[in-house]
Amino acid sequence: MRKVLIIVAAAMLLAAGCSGAGTPDSQLDVRTTAGSVKGTENGAVRLFQGLPYAQPPVGALRWASPRPPQPWQGTRAADKPGNRCPQAADSPGGKPSLDEDCLYLNVTTPARPGSTRPVMVWLHGGDGTGAGADYDTARLADQGDAVVVTVNYRIGALGNFALPQLGDNASFGTQDQLQALRWVKENAAAFGGDPGNVTVFGESSGAFATCALISSPQAKGLVERAIMESSSCSAYFAKNALAPGLGRHTLFTPLADAQAAGSAAAAKFGCDQDPDVLACLRRVPVRQWLDGGYTEVFTATPWGTSVLPGSPETAMRERRTLPIPVLFGSNQDELRLYVAAATAGGLKFDQPTYAGLLADTYGAASAAKITAAYPAQGPFAAALSWAAATTDDGWGCPTATDAQALASAGRPVYTYYFADRDAPPIPGYAVPPGFPLGAAHGLEMGYLFWDPKGTAPQQTLSRTMIGYWTNFARTGDPNGAGLPPWPNFSAGARVQRLTPDQVGPIDPQVQSKCSLWRQVGV
């Protein structure tokens, strides 16, 4: 079922339009701290792709902290993305890779002259797949007058591996992201960006990665703002929500648990008795790590390390994240994506299934209350009710709780609720015929990264969202000329509803039935 979890980012292969013929222009020649690069021009933007921000994490550097890139002589062509980090092609549109030499980033800038633009650093989702070049950042850069950076970072067993022999050196994906942010601070000005105004943002596992960064003491001075799309730090999949039969799932784990998984992998590969366990494991080919299912085992970022001293969820609740402005939110129908995939995979999602899942997940007494609040009516009734309940429980209400924690600490915080139930689907979704995806997990990304082919109101919503996101990156406040007012969450605990026919504040507690979920308390 990991295929379900990663389907969104792996299906969003939007790099078409991210390459083009070079145009002779001095602004395409940029000097970075490691050497000169030459980008390309594509319409209204300039593209600099495949820029190394760290040395290849190969050989003895597998499961080692990233090191700055080696300098080069001459001018490096920056006309195509770097290698994807190792991953399997086990989702629609997925692209396999066995290349550990993968720590590259891409920079998109407006073609028109400018300087001190806000810098937005995008962390892709996928929880085991994906790459920065899967996202077309041209509209964000052009309309928002921003420098947009997309990053490859170690994922799965190479990014989240831990072992007692490594001590507290873990969270390698997070370390890669920190190294990318250091590169941005050193090089942003060369691309017309403001190194003192960096926003990190991501979706799904990229949002959890963003949460980890703002919870890390090592990110101090590297990030001025943060945006998290589906989800906040406290979001989770309830038992059975990711797929029937699976337990409660989050993307953070204690270091001891990750080390135990690493020791189990060492035993499986026959390295546990080797005098140098790490050297033995580093000799295991990448393909065996992928074929052995270790991407599924190492999905969660370890905490209890120098990079992440504590749980990011706890850091958020206890107001110990970086004291910076934060914008985050969730989609109305997040978990319809996962229910649709389970149904398409053969699960008979009828009324008895719904009742059984509620009782198994929440207990019989709470199940009755939840059934009353989420009655199963109409086509796909049981599936849609289960998706609605688990969305509110694990996503909508934790978003509100985290917003309240930040607001109580006096932080600027803006929350949204994406609710376009006619949002254009992303190709590759596993959806049974007639199943209404609604505003499912990942669909808001189309409004930021696609050139929308939807209705005129949907195109207007896309422009509005790009305006909000880039205004926030520029000033820490999404409001701007010509945009519907978006109140700070601190001003009455209001969340901005985003639909083509209505953009404006609502009460998140009512929308997500959070009083019920506080009573359930699971």
Protein backbone atom coordinates (compact mmCIF):
# COMPACT_ATOMS: atom_id res chain seq x y z
CA MET A 1 0.00 0.00 0.00
CA ARG A 2 2.99 2.35 -0.03
CA LYS A 3 2.08 2.85 -3.67
CA VAL A 4 -0.99 4.69 -2.45
CA LEU A 5 1.03 6.93 -0.14
CA ILE A 6 3.46 8.01 -2.85
CA ILE A 7 1.13 8.20 -5.83
CA VAL A 8 0.62 11.94 -5.77
CA ALA A 9 4.18 13.14 -6.12
CA ALA A 10 5.28 10.34 -8.44
CA ALA A 11 2.34 11.07 -10.78
CA MET A 12 3.14 14.78 -10.93
CA LEU A 13 5.84 14.51 -13.59
CA LEU A 14 5.45 18.06 -14.77
CA ALA A 15 8.94 18.69 -15.99
CA ALA A 16 7.77 19.18 -19.57
CA GLY A 17 8.31 22.85 -20.06
CA CYS A 18 11.26 22.84 -17.66
CA SER A 19 13.79 22.69 -20.45
CA GLY A 20 14.32 24.76 -23.53
CA ALA A 21 16.88 25.99 -26.00
CA GLY A 22 19.50 28.26 -24.50
CA THR A 23 19.43 31.94 -25.41
CA PRO A 24 22.70 33.88 -25.60
CA ASP A 25 22.44 36.17 -22.59
CA SER A 26 24.89 37.17 -19.87
CA GLN A 27 22.17 36.53 -17.29
CA LEU A 28 22.31 32.84 -18.23
CA ASP A 29 25.92 32.70 -17.05
CA VAL A 30 26.08 32.57 -13.25
CA ARG A 31 29.00 32.11 -10.92
CA THR A 32 28.24 29.86 -7.92
CA THR A 33 30.53 29.16 -4.99
CA ALA A 34 31.63 25.91 -6.67
CA GLY A 35 32.00 27.18 -10.22
CA SER A 36 30.29 28.80 -13.21
CA VAL A 37 27.05 27.47 -14.71
CA LYS A 38 25.12 28.30 -17.85
CA GLY A 39 21.34 28.00 -17.81
CA THR A 40 18.65 28.13 -20.46
CA GLU A 41 15.75 30.44 -21.17
CA ASN A 42 12.21 29.18 -21.63
CA GLY A 43 9.67 31.90 -22.26
CA ALA A 44 9.27 34.13 -19.23
CA VAL A 45 11.77 32.26 -17.04
CA ARG A 46 15.40 31.23 -16.89
CA LEU A 47 16.26 27.70 -15.78
CA PHE A 48 19.39 26.40 -14.10
CA GLN A 49 19.09 22.64 -13.69
CA GLY A 50 21.19 19.88 -12.22
CA LEU A 51 23.29 22.07 -9.91
CA PRO A 52 25.24 19.99 -7.35
CA TYR A 53 24.77 21.23 -3.79
CA ALA A 54 26.73 18.40 -2.15
CA GLN A 55 29.22 15.71 -3.03
CA PRO A 56 27.77 12.42 -4.31
CA PRO A 57 26.77 10.32 -1.26
CA VAL A 58 28.36 7.16 -2.63
CA GLY A 59 30.75 4.56 -1.26
CA ALA A 60 31.90 5.60 2.21
CA LEU A 61 29.58 8.64 2.02
CA ARG A 62 26.46 6.47 1.91
CA TRP A 63 24.80 7.27 5.27
CA ALA A 64 27.19 10.13 5.95
CA SER A 65 26.45 13.81 6.45
CA PRO A 66 26.48 15.71 3.14
CA ARG A 67 29.63 17.60 2.20
CA PRO A 68 29.86 20.76 0.05
CA PRO A 69 30.32 20.09 -3.67
CA GLN A 70 33.77 19.88 -5.18
CA PRO A 71 34.64 23.00 -7.23
CA TRP A 72 34.98 22.65 -11.00
CA GLN A 73 36.82 24.52 -13.70
CA GLY A 74 35.21 26.13 -16.71
CA THR A 75 31.45 26.52 -17.17
CA ARG A 76 29.07 23.70 -16.32
CA ALA A 77 26.00 23.25 -18.53
CA ALA A 78 22.87 23.60 -16.38
CA ASP A 79 20.42 22.51 -19.05
CA LYS A 80 18.99 19.29 -17.61
CA PRO A 81 18.04 17.93 -14.18
CA GLY A 82 20.42 15.82 -12.14
CA ASN A 83 19.85 12.17 -11.33
CA ARG A 84 16.82 11.19 -9.29
CA CYS A 85 17.67 9.66 -5.93
CA PRO A 86 17.29 5.85 -5.83
CA GLN A 87 13.66 4.78 -6.09
CA ALA A 88 11.46 2.15 -7.67
CA ALA A 89 8.90 2.78 -10.40
CA ASP A 90 6.06 1.34 -8.38
CA SER A 91 3.48 4.05 -8.90
CA PRO A 92 1.79 5.35 -12.06
CA GLY A 93 4.19 7.60 -13.93
CA GLY A 94 7.03 6.74 -11.57
CA LYS A 95 10.59 6.83 -12.85
CA PRO A 96 13.05 4.28 -11.45
CA SER A 97 16.55 5.24 -10.46
CA LEU A 98 19.59 3.46 -9.05
CA ASP A 99 21.77 6.60 -9.00
CA GLU A 100 23.11 7.46 -5.56
CA ASP A 101 24.85 10.46 -7.13
CA CYS A 102 21.67 12.49 -6.85
CA LEU A 103 22.14 15.56 -4.64
CA TYR A 104 21.20 18.21 -7.19
CA LEU A 105 18.83 21.15 -7.27
CA ASN A 106 17.18 23.33 -9.89
CA VAL A 107 16.70 27.09 -9.92
CA THR A 108 13.95 28.96 -11.81
CA THR A 109 14.08 32.76 -12.07
CA PRO A 110 12.03 35.33 -13.98
CA ALA A 111 13.70 36.22 -17.27
CA ARG A 112 13.19 39.93 -16.66
CA PRO A 113 15.89 41.77 -14.72
CA GLY A 114 15.52 41.90 -10.96
CA SER A 115 17.28 41.38 -7.67
CA THR A 116 16.54 40.63 -4.00
CA ARG A 117 13.59 38.47 -4.97
CA PRO A 118 12.14 36.11 -2.35
CA VAL A 119 13.57 32.60 -2.58
CA MET A 120 11.20 29.61 -2.33
CA VAL A 121 12.76 26.17 -1.76
CA TRP A 122 10.40 23.30 -2.68
CA LEU A 123 10.73 19.87 -1.05
CA HIS A 124 8.91 17.24 -3.10
CA GLY A 125 6.58 14.69 -1.55
CA GLY A 126 6.39 11.03 -2.49
CA ASP A 127 7.62 9.24 0.64
CA GLY A 128 10.09 7.13 -1.31
CA THR A 129 9.83 8.51 -4.85
CA GLY A 130 9.97 11.85 -6.61
CA ALA A 131 12.44 14.51 -7.63
CA GLY A 132 12.58 18.27 -7.75
CA ALA A 133 12.31 18.39 -11.53
CA ASP A 134 8.87 16.73 -11.39
CA TYR A 135 7.39 20.18 -10.68
CA ASP A 136 7.04 23.02 -13.17
CA THR A 137 7.84 26.13 -11.15
CA ALA A 138 7.63 28.60 -14.04
CA ARG A 139 4.30 30.16 -13.03
CA LEU A 140 5.35 30.62 -9.41
CA ALA A 141 8.56 32.32 -10.50
CA ASP A 142 7.01 34.48 -13.23
CA GLN A 143 3.72 35.55 -11.65
CA GLY A 144 5.16 35.75 -8.14
CA ASP A 145 8.44 37.40 -9.16
CA ALA A 146 10.32 34.85 -7.08
CA VAL A 147 13.37 32.61 -7.33
CA VAL A 148 12.14 29.02 -6.95
CA VAL A 149 14.47 26.15 -6.06
CA THR A 150 13.54 22.45 -6.21
CA VAL A 151 15.68 19.90 -4.41
CA ASN A 152 16.56 16.21 -4.71
CA TYR A 153 17.35 14.61 -1.36
CA ARG A 154 17.96 11.08 -0.11
CA ILE A 155 14.75 9.15 0.48
CA GLY A 156 13.70 5.75 1.78
CA ALA A 157 16.46 3.50 3.11
CA LEU A 158 19.18 5.92 2.03
CA GLY A 159 17.56 8.94 3.64
CA ASN A 160 16.03 7.55 6.85
CA PHE A 161 18.41 4.72 7.73
CA ALA A 162 19.79 4.41 11.25
CA LEU A 163 22.05 1.93 13.00
CA PRO A 164 23.61 1.78 16.47
CA GLN A 165 27.06 1.90 14.83
CA LEU A 166 26.14 5.31 13.35
CA GLY A 167 25.32 6.75 16.75
CA ASP A 168 22.93 9.65 16.46
CA ASN A 169 24.00 10.42 12.89
CA ALA A 170 20.73 9.79 11.06
CA SER A 171 17.99 11.79 9.32
CA PHE A 172 20.15 11.98 6.19
CA GLY A 173 17.32 13.33 4.05
CA THR A 174 16.87 16.18 6.52
CA GLN A 175 20.63 16.76 6.51
CA ASP A 176 20.55 16.99 2.72
CA GLN A 177 17.79 19.59 2.91
CA LEU A 178 19.82 21.61 5.42
CA GLN A 179 22.83 21.45 3.08
CA ALA A 180 20.63 22.62 0.19
CA LEU A 181 19.49 25.58 2.31
CA ARG A 182 23.12 26.44 3.07
CA TRP A 183 23.82 26.37 -0.67
CA VAL A 184 20.85 28.68 -1.23
CA LYS A 185 22.11 31.15 1.37
CA GLU A 186 25.51 31.23 -0.32
CA ASN A 187 24.26 31.42 -3.92
CA ALA A 188 20.81 33.03 -3.97
CA ALA A 189 22.14 36.50 -4.75
CA ALA A 190 23.86 35.23 -7.90
CA PHE A 191 20.42 34.28 -9.26
CA GLY A 192 18.72 37.52 -8.23
CA GLY A 193 17.37 36.17 -4.94
CA ASP A 194 17.54 37.57 -1.43
CA PRO A 195 19.60 35.21 0.77
CA GLY A 196 17.96 36.79 3.81
CA ASN A 197 14.44 35.90 2.67
CA VAL A 198 14.14 32.13 2.16
CA THR A 199 10.87 30.20 2.38
CA VAL A 200 10.91 26.41 2.56
CA PHE A 201 7.72 24.69 1.39
CA GLY A 202 6.50 21.21 0.56
CA GLU A 203 3.51 18.91 0.23
CA SER A 204 2.67 15.61 1.97
CA SER A 205 6.01 14.04 2.99
CA GLY A 206 7.56 17.30 1.75
CA ALA A 207 5.41 19.13 4.30
CA PHE A 208 6.59 16.76 7.03
CA ALA A 209 10.15 17.48 5.86
CA THR A 210 9.42 21.19 6.18
CA CYS A 211 8.12 20.57 9.70
CA ALA A 212 11.32 18.71 10.56
CA LEU A 213 13.43 21.61 9.32
CA ILE A 214 11.64 24.24 11.38
CA SER A 215 12.02 21.91 14.37
CA SER A 216 15.78 21.56 13.85
CA PRO A 217 18.18 23.88 15.69
CA GLN A 218 20.50 23.54 12.69
CA ALA A 219 17.99 25.41 10.50
CA LYS A 220 18.33 28.61 12.53
CA GLY A 221 19.40 31.38 10.19
CA LEU A 222 18.64 29.31 7.07
CA VAL A 223 14.84 29.73 6.89
CA GLU A 224 12.72 32.87 7.31
CA ARG A 225 9.28 31.38 6.50
CA ALA A 226 7.64 27.98 5.98
CA ILE A 227 4.65 26.61 4.04
CA MET A 228 3.24 23.12 4.64
CA GLU A 229 0.63 21.68 2.27
CA SER A 230 -1.18 18.61 3.57
CA SER A 231 -0.04 18.50 6.37
CA SER A 232 0.92 20.10 9.64
CA CYS A 233 3.45 18.58 12.06
CA SER A 234 0.78 16.68 14.00
CA ALA A 235 -1.09 15.14 11.07
CA TYR A 236 -1.26 11.35 10.95
CA PHE A 237 -3.03 8.37 9.42
CA ALA A 238 -5.31 6.72 11.97
CA LYS A 239 -5.26 2.95 12.26
CA ASN A 240 -6.76 1.49 9.04
CA ALA A 241 -6.79 4.91 7.34
CA LEU A 242 -3.79 4.45 5.08
CA ALA A 243 -5.21 1.04 4.19
CA PRO A 244 -7.38 -1.46 6.09
CA GLY A 245 -5.20 -3.61 8.32
CA LEU A 246 -2.39 -1.07 8.71
CA GLY A 247 -1.66 0.58 12.04
CA ARG A 248 -1.40 4.25 12.92
CA HIS A 249 1.15 5.88 10.63
CA THR A 250 3.22 9.05 10.95
CA LEU A 251 6.38 10.20 9.19
CA PHE A 252 8.47 10.70 12.31
CA THR A 253 9.95 7.92 14.46
CA PRO A 254 12.19 7.67 17.54
CA LEU A 255 15.84 6.99 16.74
CA ALA A 256 15.78 3.71 18.70
CA ASP A 257 13.02 2.34 16.46
CA ALA A 258 14.90 3.33 13.31
CA GLN A 259 18.08 1.74 14.69
CA ALA A 260 16.21 -1.48 15.40
CA ALA A 261 15.01 -1.54 11.79
CA GLY A 262 18.58 -0.93 10.64
CA SER A 263 19.88 -3.81 12.74
CA ALA A 264 17.19 -6.08 11.29
CA ALA A 265 18.27 -5.09 7.78
CA ALA A 266 21.90 -5.83 8.66
CA ALA A 267 20.91 -9.32 9.79
CA LYS A 268 18.87 -9.94 6.65
CA PHE A 269 21.80 -8.94 4.44
CA GLY A 270 24.19 -11.08 6.47
CA CYS A 271 26.18 -8.10 7.70
CA ASP A 272 25.40 -8.37 11.41
CA GLN A 273 28.41 -10.61 12.06
CA ASP A 274 30.80 -8.63 9.89
CA PRO A 275 33.56 -6.82 11.87
CA ASP A 276 32.55 -3.63 10.01
CA VAL A 277 28.78 -3.73 9.71
CA LEU A 278 28.57 -0.36 7.98
CA ALA A 279 31.17 -1.21 5.37
CA CYS A 280 29.29 -4.44 4.66
CA LEU A 281 25.96 -2.65 4.28
CA ARG A 282 27.51 0.01 2.06
CA ARG A 283 28.56 -2.76 -0.32
CA VAL A 284 24.96 -3.98 -0.71
CA PRO A 285 23.79 -2.77 -4.14
CA VAL A 286 21.06 -0.14 -4.22
CA ARG A 287 18.79 -2.47 -6.18
CA GLN A 288 18.72 -4.91 -3.28
CA TRP A 289 17.66 -2.15 -0.91
CA LEU A 290 14.83 -1.26 -3.28
CA ASP A 291 13.80 -4.84 -4.10
CA GLY A 292 13.90 -5.82 -0.43
CA GLY A 293 11.12 -3.41 0.45
CA TYR A 294 13.29 -1.19 2.62
CA THR A 295 11.79 1.94 1.14
CA GLU A 296 8.61 0.86 2.94
CA VAL A 297 10.48 0.14 6.18
CA PHE A 298 12.38 3.43 6.29
CA THR A 299 9.55 5.86 5.55
CA ALA A 300 9.79 7.91 8.75
CA THR A 301 12.42 10.50 9.68
CA PRO A 302 14.26 9.55 12.89
CA TRP A 303 14.30 12.02 15.77
CA GLY A 304 16.44 12.00 18.90
CA THR A 305 19.51 13.13 16.96
CA SER A 306 21.63 16.26 16.80
CA VAL A 307 19.63 17.23 13.71
CA LEU A 308 16.24 16.55 15.30
CA PRO A 309 16.68 16.43 19.08
CA GLY A 310 12.99 15.80 19.72
CA SER A 311 9.74 14.89 18.03
CA PRO A 312 8.69 17.63 15.58
CA GLU A 313 5.07 17.06 16.60
CA THR A 314 5.98 17.78 20.22
CA ALA A 315 8.08 20.76 19.18
CA MET A 316 5.07 22.21 17.41
CA ARG A 317 2.68 21.59 20.31
CA GLU A 318 5.19 23.04 22.80
CA ARG A 319 5.96 26.04 20.58
CA ARG A 320 9.63 25.13 20.13
CA THR A 321 9.77 25.40 16.36
CA LEU A 322 11.63 28.29 14.74
CA PRO A 323 9.91 31.60 15.58
CA ILE A 324 9.00 32.35 11.96
CA PRO A 325 5.76 32.98 10.03
CA VAL A 326 4.05 29.75 8.93
CA LEU A 327 1.34 29.07 6.34
CA PHE A 328 -0.21 25.61 6.19
CA GLY A 329 -3.44 23.74 5.57
CA SER A 330 -5.20 20.64 4.36
CA ASN A 331 -7.67 19.54 1.70
CA GLN A 332 -11.33 18.81 2.34
CA ASP A 333 -11.15 15.23 1.05
CA GLU A 334 -7.53 14.25 1.74
CA LEU A 335 -8.08 10.54 2.31
CA ARG A 336 -10.45 9.93 -0.59
CA LEU A 337 -7.29 9.27 -2.57
CA TYR A 338 -6.37 6.31 -0.38
CA VAL A 339 -9.91 4.96 -0.15
CA ALA A 340 -10.24 5.22 -3.93
CA ALA A 341 -7.02 3.26 -4.41
CA ALA A 342 -8.12 0.55 -1.97
CA THR A 343 -11.47 0.30 -3.72
CA ALA A 344 -9.82 0.17 -7.15
CA GLY A 345 -7.58 -2.57 -5.76
CA GLY A 346 -10.56 -4.79 -4.98
CA LEU A 347 -11.66 -3.84 -1.46
CA LYS A 348 -15.45 -4.15 -1.10
CA PHE A 349 -16.16 -0.96 0.79
CA ASP A 350 -19.74 -1.51 1.95
CA GLN A 351 -21.68 -0.61 5.10
CA PRO A 352 -20.42 -3.62 7.14
CA THR A 353 -16.84 -2.73 6.15
CA TYR A 354 -17.38 0.85 7.31
CA ALA A 355 -18.89 -0.23 10.63
CA GLY A 356 -16.11 -2.74 11.23
CA LEU A 357 -13.35 -0.23 10.50
CA LEU A 358 -14.88 2.34 12.84
CA ALA A 359 -15.19 -0.18 15.68
CA ASP A 360 -11.68 -1.54 15.15
CA THR A 361 -10.12 1.91 14.94
CA TYR A 362 -12.05 3.90 17.51
CA GLY A 363 -13.92 1.38 19.68
CA ALA A 364 -17.62 0.52 19.71
CA ALA A 365 -18.75 3.45 21.88
CA SER A 366 -17.00 6.06 19.76
CA ALA A 367 -18.01 4.32 16.53
CA ALA A 368 -21.66 5.08 17.23
CA LYS A 369 -20.91 8.79 17.69
CA ILE A 370 -18.82 8.89 14.53
CA THR A 371 -21.50 7.11 12.49
CA ALA A 372 -24.03 9.74 13.60
CA ALA A 373 -21.69 12.53 12.52
CA TYR A 374 -20.62 10.82 9.29
CA PRO A 375 -23.62 8.81 8.05
CA ALA A 376 -23.10 6.62 5.00
CA GLN A 377 -25.52 7.81 2.33
CA GLY A 378 -25.51 7.80 -1.46
CA PRO A 379 -23.13 6.24 -4.03
CA PHE A 380 -19.82 5.05 -2.59
CA ALA A 381 -21.40 5.99 0.75
CA ALA A 382 -19.30 3.84 3.07
CA ALA A 383 -16.03 4.72 1.34
CA LEU A 384 -16.73 8.45 1.34
CA SER A 385 -17.87 8.49 4.98
CA TRP A 386 -14.77 6.61 6.10
CA ALA A 387 -12.57 9.03 4.11
CA ALA A 388 -14.36 12.04 5.60
CA ALA A 389 -14.01 10.80 9.17
CA THR A 390 -10.34 9.89 8.93
CA THR A 391 -9.54 13.10 7.06
CA ASP A 392 -11.00 15.23 9.83
CA ASP A 393 -9.46 13.09 12.57
CA GLY A 394 -5.92 12.85 11.23
CA TRP A 395 -5.57 15.96 9.08
CA GLY A 396 -8.16 18.72 9.56
CA CYS A 397 -8.19 18.82 13.35
CA PRO A 398 -4.42 18.44 13.86
CA THR A 399 -3.97 21.38 11.49
CA ALA A 400 -6.26 23.48 13.68
CA THR A 401 -4.50 22.31 16.85
CA ASP A 402 -1.06 23.19 15.51
CA ALA A 403 -2.32 26.57 14.33
CA GLN A 404 -3.66 27.29 17.80
CA ALA A 405 -0.32 26.33 19.36
CA LEU A 406 1.59 28.70 17.09
CA ALA A 407 -0.94 31.50 17.47
CA SER A 408 -0.81 31.25 21.26
CA ALA A 409 2.94 31.78 21.04
CA GLY A 410 2.38 34.97 19.06
CA ARG A 411 3.64 33.54 15.76
CA PRO A 412 2.21 34.83 12.47
CA VAL A 413 0.22 31.84 11.20
CA TYR A 414 -2.12 31.50 8.22
CA THR A 415 -4.13 28.34 7.57
CA TYR A 416 -6.11 27.27 4.51
CA TYR A 417 -8.75 24.69 3.62
CA PHE A 418 -8.64 23.66 -0.05
CA ALA A 419 -12.16 22.58 -1.00
CA ASP A 420 -12.49 22.52 -4.79
CA ARG A 421 -14.35 19.23 -5.23
CA ASP A 422 -14.13 19.62 -9.00
CA ALA A 423 -10.35 20.02 -9.00
CA PRO A 424 -8.76 18.52 -12.13
CA PRO A 425 -7.35 15.07 -11.27
CA ILE A 426 -3.69 14.28 -11.63
CA PRO A 427 -2.99 11.61 -14.27
CA GLY A 428 -2.20 8.22 -12.80
CA TYR A 429 -4.60 8.24 -9.88
CA ALA A 430 -6.05 4.81 -9.11
CA VAL A 431 -9.74 5.67 -9.12
CA PRO A 432 -12.68 3.31 -9.72
CA PRO A 433 -15.17 4.46 -12.38
CA GLY A 434 -17.51 7.10 -11.04
CA PHE A 435 -15.66 7.56 -7.75
CA PRO A 436 -15.70 11.27 -6.78
CA LEU A 437 -12.20 12.26 -5.72
CA GLY A 438 -13.34 15.70 -4.63
CA ALA A 439 -10.61 17.84 -3.09
CA ALA A 440 -8.33 14.86 -2.52
CA HIS A 441 -4.74 14.70 -1.30
CA GLY A 442 -2.37 16.52 -3.62
CA LEU A 443 -4.90 18.22 -5.88
CA GLU A 444 -4.09 21.72 -4.64
CA MET A 445 -0.62 21.35 -6.19
CA GLY A 446 -2.10 21.62 -9.65
CA TYR A 447 -3.10 25.20 -8.89
CA LEU A 448 0.52 26.10 -8.13
CA PHE A 449 2.47 24.03 -10.65
CA TRP A 450 0.11 23.48 -13.61
CA ASP A 451 -0.97 25.86 -16.31
CA PRO A 452 -4.60 25.07 -15.43
CA LYS A 453 -6.92 23.82 -18.14
CA GLY A 454 -9.96 24.06 -15.87
CA THR A 455 -12.80 26.55 -15.83
CA ALA A 456 -12.27 30.28 -15.73
CA PRO A 457 -13.04 30.38 -11.96
CA GLN A 458 -10.48 27.60 -11.40
CA GLN A 459 -7.88 29.55 -13.32
CA THR A 460 -8.67 32.57 -11.16
CA LEU A 461 -8.25 30.43 -8.04
CA SER A 462 -4.86 29.30 -9.35
CA ARG A 463 -3.71 32.89 -9.79
CA THR A 464 -5.05 33.74 -6.33
CA MET A 465 -3.18 30.88 -4.68
CA ILE A 466 0.07 31.73 -6.45
CA GLY A 467 -0.43 35.31 -5.27
CA TYR A 468 -0.98 34.18 -1.68
CA TRP A 469 1.99 31.79 -1.64
CA THR A 470 4.48 34.23 -3.18
CA ASN A 471 3.25 37.23 -1.15
CA PHE A 472 3.78 35.15 1.97
CA ALA A 473 7.28 34.27 0.79
CA ARG A 474 8.00 37.95 0.21
CA THR A 475 6.62 39.46 3.41
CA GLY A 476 5.36 36.71 5.75
CA ASP A 477 1.78 37.78 4.97
CA PRO A 478 -0.23 36.27 2.05
CA ASN A 479 -2.40 39.37 1.59
CA GLY A 480 -1.88 41.69 -1.33
CA ALA A 481 -3.56 43.95 -3.83
CA GLY A 482 -6.50 42.36 -5.65
CA LEU A 483 -6.67 39.29 -3.39
CA PRO A 484 -9.51 38.39 -1.00
CA PRO A 485 -8.42 39.23 2.58
CA TRP A 486 -6.87 36.34 4.48
CA PRO A 487 -6.95 36.88 8.26
CA ASN A 488 -4.12 35.84 10.51
CA PHE A 489 -5.26 32.74 12.42
CA SER A 490 -4.61 34.62 15.66
CA ALA A 491 -7.45 36.98 14.78
CA GLY A 492 -10.40 34.77 15.74
CA ALA A 493 -9.01 31.37 14.73
CA ARG A 494 -10.14 31.62 11.12
CA VAL A 495 -8.97 29.48 8.21
CA GLN A 496 -9.10 30.56 4.57
CA ARG A 497 -11.42 28.41 2.42
CA LEU A 498 -10.10 28.06 -1.14
CA THR A 499 -12.62 27.20 -3.88
CA PRO A 500 -13.32 28.67 -7.30
CA ASP A 501 -16.60 30.19 -6.09
CA GLN A 502 -15.58 31.27 -2.58
CA VAL A 503 -12.32 32.42 -1.07
CA GLY A 504 -12.74 33.57 2.49
CA PRO A 505 -12.50 32.68 6.18
CA ILE A 506 -14.39 29.89 7.95
CA ASP A 507 -14.33 28.31 11.42
CA PRO A 508 -12.07 25.20 11.23
CA GLN A 509 -13.54 23.69 14.40
CA VAL A 510 -16.99 23.51 12.82
CA GLN A 511 -15.74 22.44 9.40
CA SER A 512 -13.81 19.46 10.73
CA LYS A 513 -16.05 18.52 13.70
CA CYS A 514 -13.06 18.84 16.00
CA SER A 515 -15.12 18.81 19.20
CA LEU A 516 -16.17 15.24 18.33
CA TRP A 517 -12.60 14.15 17.68
CA ARG A 518 -11.42 15.63 20.96
CA GLN A 519 -14.02 13.44 22.67
CA VAL A 520 -12.89 10.36 20.74
CA GLY A 521 -9.30 11.06 21.70
CA VAL A 522 -7.62 8.30 19.71
